[in-house]
Amino acid sequence: MAVKFKIKKGDQVLVTAGRDKGKKGEVLKVLTASDRVLVQGINMMKRHERPTQGSAGGIVEKEAMIHISNLAHIDPKDQKPTKVGFKVLGDGRKVRFAKRSGEVIDN
């Protein structure tokens, strides 16, 4: 059974643990099977790549996956970490909201 996460692609998150603690970034990809997330500019790793027809190769820096438990959603109102809740609006849409400020996260 697939697990539903409160963090989605395109969200702004804060790293709460690990080498990049305190850094902010945008979620690029979410893997629900392994509970991991790819965040732009976070958990950078160096990879030795062989030259191919499309790239020159050499040592390339790229983002590595980080566990979802080490991330906190950023409140759109005051840019501080917050928990995320769900509520149903008057028109029947179920949306995520920041528990810190009550601001709706989904558009």
N, C-alpha and C. Protein backbone atom coordinates (compact mmCIF):
# COMPACT_ATOMS: atom_id res chain seq x y z
N MET A 1 0.84 -1.19 0.00
CA MET A 1 0.00 0.00 0.00
C MET A 1 0.87 1.24 0.00
N ALA A 2 0.56 2.20 -0.83
CA ALA A 2 1.34 3.42 -0.93
C ALA A 2 1.05 4.34 0.25
N VAL A 3 2.10 4.99 0.73
CA VAL A 3 1.98 5.91 1.85
C VAL A 3 1.77 7.31 1.30
N LYS A 4 0.88 8.08 1.93
CA LYS A 4 0.62 9.45 1.49
C LYS A 4 1.47 10.39 2.33
N PHE A 5 2.26 11.23 1.66
CA PHE A 5 3.12 12.17 2.35
C PHE A 5 2.51 13.56 2.33
N LYS A 6 2.89 14.38 3.31
CA LYS A 6 2.41 15.75 3.36
C LYS A 6 3.34 16.68 2.60
N ILE A 7 4.49 16.18 2.15
CA ILE A 7 5.42 16.96 1.34
C ILE A 7 5.29 16.49 -0.10
N LYS A 8 5.15 17.46 -1.01
CA LYS A 8 4.97 17.13 -2.43
C LYS A 8 6.01 17.86 -3.27
N LYS A 9 6.10 17.49 -4.53
CA LYS A 9 7.01 18.13 -5.47
C LYS A 9 6.66 19.62 -5.58
N GLY A 10 7.69 20.47 -5.53
CA GLY A 10 7.49 21.91 -5.64
C GLY A 10 7.39 22.63 -4.31
N ASP A 11 7.28 21.90 -3.20
CA ASP A 11 7.19 22.52 -1.87
C ASP A 11 8.54 23.04 -1.42
N GLN A 12 8.52 24.07 -0.58
CA GLN A 12 9.73 24.60 0.05
C GLN A 12 9.88 23.89 1.39
N VAL A 13 11.08 23.32 1.63
CA VAL A 13 11.32 22.58 2.87
C VAL A 13 12.60 23.04 3.55
N LEU A 14 12.71 22.73 4.84
CA LEU A 14 13.88 23.03 5.66
C LEU A 14 14.45 21.71 6.14
N VAL A 15 15.77 21.56 6.07
CA VAL A 15 16.42 20.34 6.54
C VAL A 15 16.59 20.46 8.06
N THR A 16 16.10 19.47 8.82
CA THR A 16 16.13 19.52 10.28
C THR A 16 17.23 18.67 10.89
N ALA A 17 17.87 17.80 10.10
CA ALA A 17 18.90 16.93 10.65
C ALA A 17 19.91 16.59 9.56
N GLY A 18 21.14 16.32 9.98
CA GLY A 18 22.16 15.89 9.04
C GLY A 18 23.15 16.99 8.70
N ARG A 19 23.97 16.72 7.70
CA ARG A 19 25.05 17.61 7.31
C ARG A 19 24.54 18.98 6.84
N ASP A 20 23.38 19.02 6.20
CA ASP A 20 22.82 20.25 5.65
C ASP A 20 21.74 20.87 6.53
N LYS A 21 21.79 20.61 7.84
CA LYS A 21 20.79 21.12 8.77
C LYS A 21 20.70 22.64 8.69
N GLY A 22 19.46 23.14 8.58
CA GLY A 22 19.23 24.58 8.52
C GLY A 22 19.10 25.13 7.11
N LYS A 23 19.43 24.34 6.09
CA LYS A 23 19.33 24.81 4.70
C LYS A 23 17.91 24.62 4.19
N LYS A 24 17.53 25.50 3.25
CA LYS A 24 16.20 25.44 2.64
C LYS A 24 16.34 25.09 1.16
N GLY A 25 15.33 24.45 0.61
CA GLY A 25 15.34 24.11 -0.80
C GLY A 25 13.97 23.69 -1.29
N GLU A 26 13.88 23.48 -2.59
CA GLU A 26 12.63 23.07 -3.23
C GLU A 26 12.67 21.58 -3.53
N VAL A 27 11.56 20.90 -3.29
CA VAL A 27 11.46 19.47 -3.55
C VAL A 27 11.38 19.24 -5.05
N LEU A 28 12.30 18.40 -5.56
CA LEU A 28 12.33 18.08 -6.99
C LEU A 28 11.63 16.76 -7.30
N LYS A 29 11.72 15.81 -6.35
CA LYS A 29 11.18 14.47 -6.61
C LYS A 29 10.87 13.80 -5.27
N VAL A 30 9.80 12.99 -5.22
CA VAL A 30 9.43 12.25 -4.02
C VAL A 30 9.33 10.78 -4.38
N LEU A 31 10.05 9.92 -3.65
CA LEU A 31 9.95 8.47 -3.83
C LEU A 31 9.21 7.89 -2.63
N THR A 32 7.96 7.50 -2.81
CA THR A 32 7.16 7.01 -1.70
C THR A 32 7.59 5.62 -1.26
N ALA A 33 8.14 4.81 -2.16
CA ALA A 33 8.52 3.44 -1.82
C ALA A 33 9.65 3.41 -0.80
N SER A 34 10.61 4.35 -0.89
CA SER A 34 11.75 4.35 0.03
C SER A 34 11.71 5.51 1.02
N ASP A 35 10.60 6.26 1.08
CA ASP A 35 10.42 7.39 2.00
C ASP A 35 11.51 8.45 1.82
N ARG A 36 11.93 8.69 0.60
CA ARG A 36 13.02 9.63 0.36
C ARG A 36 12.60 10.73 -0.62
N VAL A 37 13.31 11.87 -0.50
CA VAL A 37 12.98 13.06 -1.27
C VAL A 37 14.26 13.64 -1.87
N LEU A 38 14.17 14.18 -3.08
CA LEU A 38 15.29 14.88 -3.71
C LEU A 38 15.01 16.37 -3.58
N VAL A 39 15.94 17.11 -2.92
CA VAL A 39 15.76 18.54 -2.67
C VAL A 39 16.87 19.30 -3.39
N GLN A 40 16.50 20.37 -4.07
CA GLN A 40 17.44 21.15 -4.87
C GLN A 40 18.52 21.78 -3.98
N GLY A 41 19.80 21.46 -4.28
CA GLY A 41 20.93 22.04 -3.57
C GLY A 41 21.24 21.43 -2.22
N ILE A 42 20.55 20.36 -1.84
CA ILE A 42 20.73 19.72 -0.53
C ILE A 42 21.33 18.34 -0.73
N ASN A 43 22.23 17.94 0.18
CA ASN A 43 22.85 16.62 0.18
C ASN A 43 23.62 16.38 -1.12
N MET A 44 24.48 17.35 -1.46
CA MET A 44 25.25 17.27 -2.70
C MET A 44 26.33 16.20 -2.59
N MET A 45 26.45 15.39 -3.64
CA MET A 45 27.43 14.32 -3.71
C MET A 45 28.24 14.47 -4.99
N LYS A 46 29.50 14.03 -4.97
CA LYS A 46 30.33 14.05 -6.17
C LYS A 46 30.30 12.66 -6.79
N ARG A 47 30.09 12.63 -8.10
CA ARG A 47 30.05 11.37 -8.84
C ARG A 47 31.05 11.44 -9.98
N HIS A 48 31.80 10.37 -10.17
CA HIS A 48 32.73 10.29 -11.30
C HIS A 48 31.96 9.70 -12.47
N GLU A 49 31.81 10.51 -13.53
CA GLU A 49 31.03 10.05 -14.67
C GLU A 49 31.91 9.88 -15.89
N ARG A 50 31.63 8.84 -16.62
CA ARG A 50 32.36 8.52 -17.84
C ARG A 50 31.85 9.45 -18.96
N PRO A 51 32.75 9.89 -19.84
CA PRO A 51 32.29 10.72 -20.96
C PRO A 51 31.36 9.94 -21.89
N THR A 52 30.29 10.58 -22.30
CA THR A 52 29.35 9.98 -23.25
C THR A 52 29.16 10.95 -24.40
N GLN A 53 28.31 10.57 -25.31
CA GLN A 53 28.05 11.42 -26.46
C GLN A 53 27.39 12.74 -26.04
N GLY A 54 26.61 12.70 -24.95
CA GLY A 54 25.90 13.89 -24.50
C GLY A 54 26.64 14.72 -23.48
N SER A 55 27.60 14.13 -22.74
CA SER A 55 28.28 14.89 -21.69
C SER A 55 29.78 14.63 -21.73
N ALA A 56 30.53 15.58 -21.17
CA ALA A 56 31.99 15.49 -21.20
C ALA A 56 32.53 14.53 -20.15
N GLY A 57 31.76 14.25 -19.12
CA GLY A 57 32.23 13.37 -18.06
C GLY A 57 33.02 14.14 -17.02
N GLY A 58 33.78 13.44 -16.18
CA GLY A 58 34.55 14.06 -15.11
C GLY A 58 33.83 13.94 -13.79
N ILE A 59 34.20 14.80 -12.83
CA ILE A 59 33.58 14.77 -11.51
C ILE A 59 32.39 15.73 -11.53
N VAL A 60 31.19 15.18 -11.30
CA VAL A 60 29.96 15.95 -11.38
C VAL A 60 29.31 15.99 -10.00
N GLU A 61 28.85 17.18 -9.59
CA GLU A 61 28.14 17.31 -8.32
C GLU A 61 26.64 17.24 -8.58
N LYS A 62 25.93 16.38 -7.84
CA LYS A 62 24.49 16.25 -7.99
C LYS A 62 23.86 15.98 -6.64
N GLU A 63 22.56 16.24 -6.56
CA GLU A 63 21.83 16.02 -5.32
C GLU A 63 21.60 14.53 -5.08
N ALA A 64 21.65 14.13 -3.82
CA ALA A 64 21.31 12.77 -3.44
C ALA A 64 20.02 12.81 -2.62
N MET A 65 19.37 11.66 -2.50
CA MET A 65 18.11 11.59 -1.78
C MET A 65 18.34 11.81 -0.28
N ILE A 66 17.31 12.34 0.38
CA ILE A 66 17.35 12.55 1.83
C ILE A 66 16.03 12.00 2.38
N HIS A 67 16.09 11.44 3.59
CA HIS A 67 14.90 10.83 4.17
C HIS A 67 13.88 11.90 4.53
N ILE A 68 12.62 11.58 4.33
CA ILE A 68 11.55 12.57 4.52
C ILE A 68 11.41 13.00 5.98
N SER A 69 11.87 12.17 6.91
CA SER A 69 11.78 12.53 8.33
C SER A 69 12.76 13.64 8.71
N ASN A 70 13.74 13.91 7.85
CA ASN A 70 14.71 14.97 8.12
C ASN A 70 14.32 16.30 7.50
N LEU A 71 13.07 16.44 7.08
CA LEU A 71 12.60 17.66 6.43
C LEU A 71 11.39 18.21 7.17
N ALA A 72 11.26 19.54 7.13
CA ALA A 72 10.07 20.21 7.67
C ALA A 72 9.56 21.17 6.61
N HIS A 73 8.26 21.25 6.48
CA HIS A 73 7.65 22.15 5.51
C HIS A 73 7.83 23.59 5.99
N ILE A 74 8.01 24.54 5.05
CA ILE A 74 8.19 25.95 5.40
C ILE A 74 6.85 26.66 5.24
N ASP A 75 6.49 27.42 6.29
CA ASP A 75 5.25 28.20 6.29
C ASP A 75 5.35 29.30 5.23
N PRO A 76 4.38 29.40 4.31
CA PRO A 76 4.47 30.43 3.27
C PRO A 76 4.34 31.86 3.81
N LYS A 77 3.79 32.01 5.02
CA LYS A 77 3.56 33.35 5.58
C LYS A 77 4.82 33.93 6.22
N ASP A 78 5.50 33.16 7.10
CA ASP A 78 6.65 33.70 7.83
C ASP A 78 7.96 32.96 7.61
N GLN A 79 8.00 32.01 6.64
CA GLN A 79 9.22 31.30 6.25
C GLN A 79 9.87 30.53 7.40
N LYS A 80 9.08 30.02 8.34
CA LYS A 80 9.58 29.20 9.44
C LYS A 80 9.00 27.80 9.32
N PRO A 81 9.66 26.79 9.93
CA PRO A 81 9.15 25.42 9.81
C PRO A 81 7.80 25.25 10.48
N THR A 82 6.96 24.43 9.87
CA THR A 82 5.61 24.21 10.38
C THR A 82 5.17 22.78 10.13
N LYS A 83 4.16 22.36 10.86
CA LYS A 83 3.51 21.09 10.58
C LYS A 83 2.43 21.35 9.54
N VAL A 84 2.00 20.29 8.88
CA VAL A 84 1.02 20.41 7.81
C VAL A 84 -0.23 19.63 8.20
N GLY A 85 -1.39 20.26 7.98
CA GLY A 85 -2.65 19.60 8.24
C GLY A 85 -3.51 19.62 6.99
N PHE A 86 -4.65 18.93 7.05
CA PHE A 86 -5.59 18.90 5.93
C PHE A 86 -6.91 19.48 6.39
N LYS A 87 -7.59 20.21 5.49
CA LYS A 87 -8.94 20.67 5.77
C LYS A 87 -9.72 20.73 4.46
N VAL A 88 -11.03 20.71 4.58
CA VAL A 88 -11.91 20.76 3.42
C VAL A 88 -12.47 22.17 3.32
N LEU A 89 -12.30 22.79 2.17
CA LEU A 89 -12.82 24.14 1.95
C LEU A 89 -14.31 24.11 1.66
N GLY A 90 -14.92 25.28 1.58
CA GLY A 90 -16.36 25.38 1.33
C GLY A 90 -16.79 24.81 0.00
N ASP A 91 -15.90 24.87 -1.00
CA ASP A 91 -16.25 24.34 -2.32
C ASP A 91 -16.00 22.84 -2.45
N GLY A 92 -15.59 22.18 -1.34
CA GLY A 92 -15.43 20.73 -1.34
C GLY A 92 -14.02 20.24 -1.61
N ARG A 93 -13.06 21.16 -1.86
CA ARG A 93 -11.68 20.74 -2.11
C ARG A 93 -10.96 20.44 -0.80
N LYS A 94 -10.19 19.36 -0.79
CA LYS A 94 -9.36 19.01 0.36
C LYS A 94 -7.98 19.60 0.11
N VAL A 95 -7.50 20.48 0.99
CA VAL A 95 -6.23 21.18 0.79
C VAL A 95 -5.34 21.01 2.02
N ARG A 96 -4.03 21.22 1.80
CA ARG A 96 -3.08 21.22 2.90
C ARG A 96 -2.98 22.65 3.43
N PHE A 97 -2.77 22.77 4.76
CA PHE A 97 -2.58 24.10 5.34
C PHE A 97 -1.47 24.05 6.38
N ALA A 98 -0.81 25.19 6.60
CA ALA A 98 0.25 25.30 7.59
C ALA A 98 -0.39 25.48 8.96
N LYS A 99 -0.07 24.61 9.91
CA LYS A 99 -0.67 24.68 11.23
C LYS A 99 -0.17 25.89 12.01
N ARG A 100 1.00 26.42 11.65
CA ARG A 100 1.58 27.57 12.34
C ARG A 100 0.76 28.83 12.10
N SER A 101 0.37 29.08 10.83
CA SER A 101 -0.32 30.32 10.50
C SER A 101 -1.75 30.12 9.99
N GLY A 102 -2.08 28.89 9.61
CA GLY A 102 -3.40 28.62 9.05
C GLY A 102 -3.46 28.89 7.55
N GLU A 103 -2.35 29.29 6.93
CA GLU A 103 -2.28 29.61 5.52
C GLU A 103 -2.43 28.34 4.68
N VAL A 104 -3.22 28.41 3.59
CA VAL A 104 -3.41 27.28 2.69
C VAL A 104 -2.15 27.12 1.83
N ILE A 105 -1.64 25.90 1.73
CA ILE A 105 -0.41 25.63 0.97
C ILE A 105 -0.74 25.30 -0.48
N ASP A 106 -1.77 24.48 -0.70
CA ASP A 106 -2.16 24.10 -2.06
C ASP A 106 -2.86 25.25 -2.75
N ASN A 107 -2.69 25.32 -4.06
CA ASN A 107 -3.36 26.37 -4.84
C ASN A 107 -4.63 25.86 -5.46
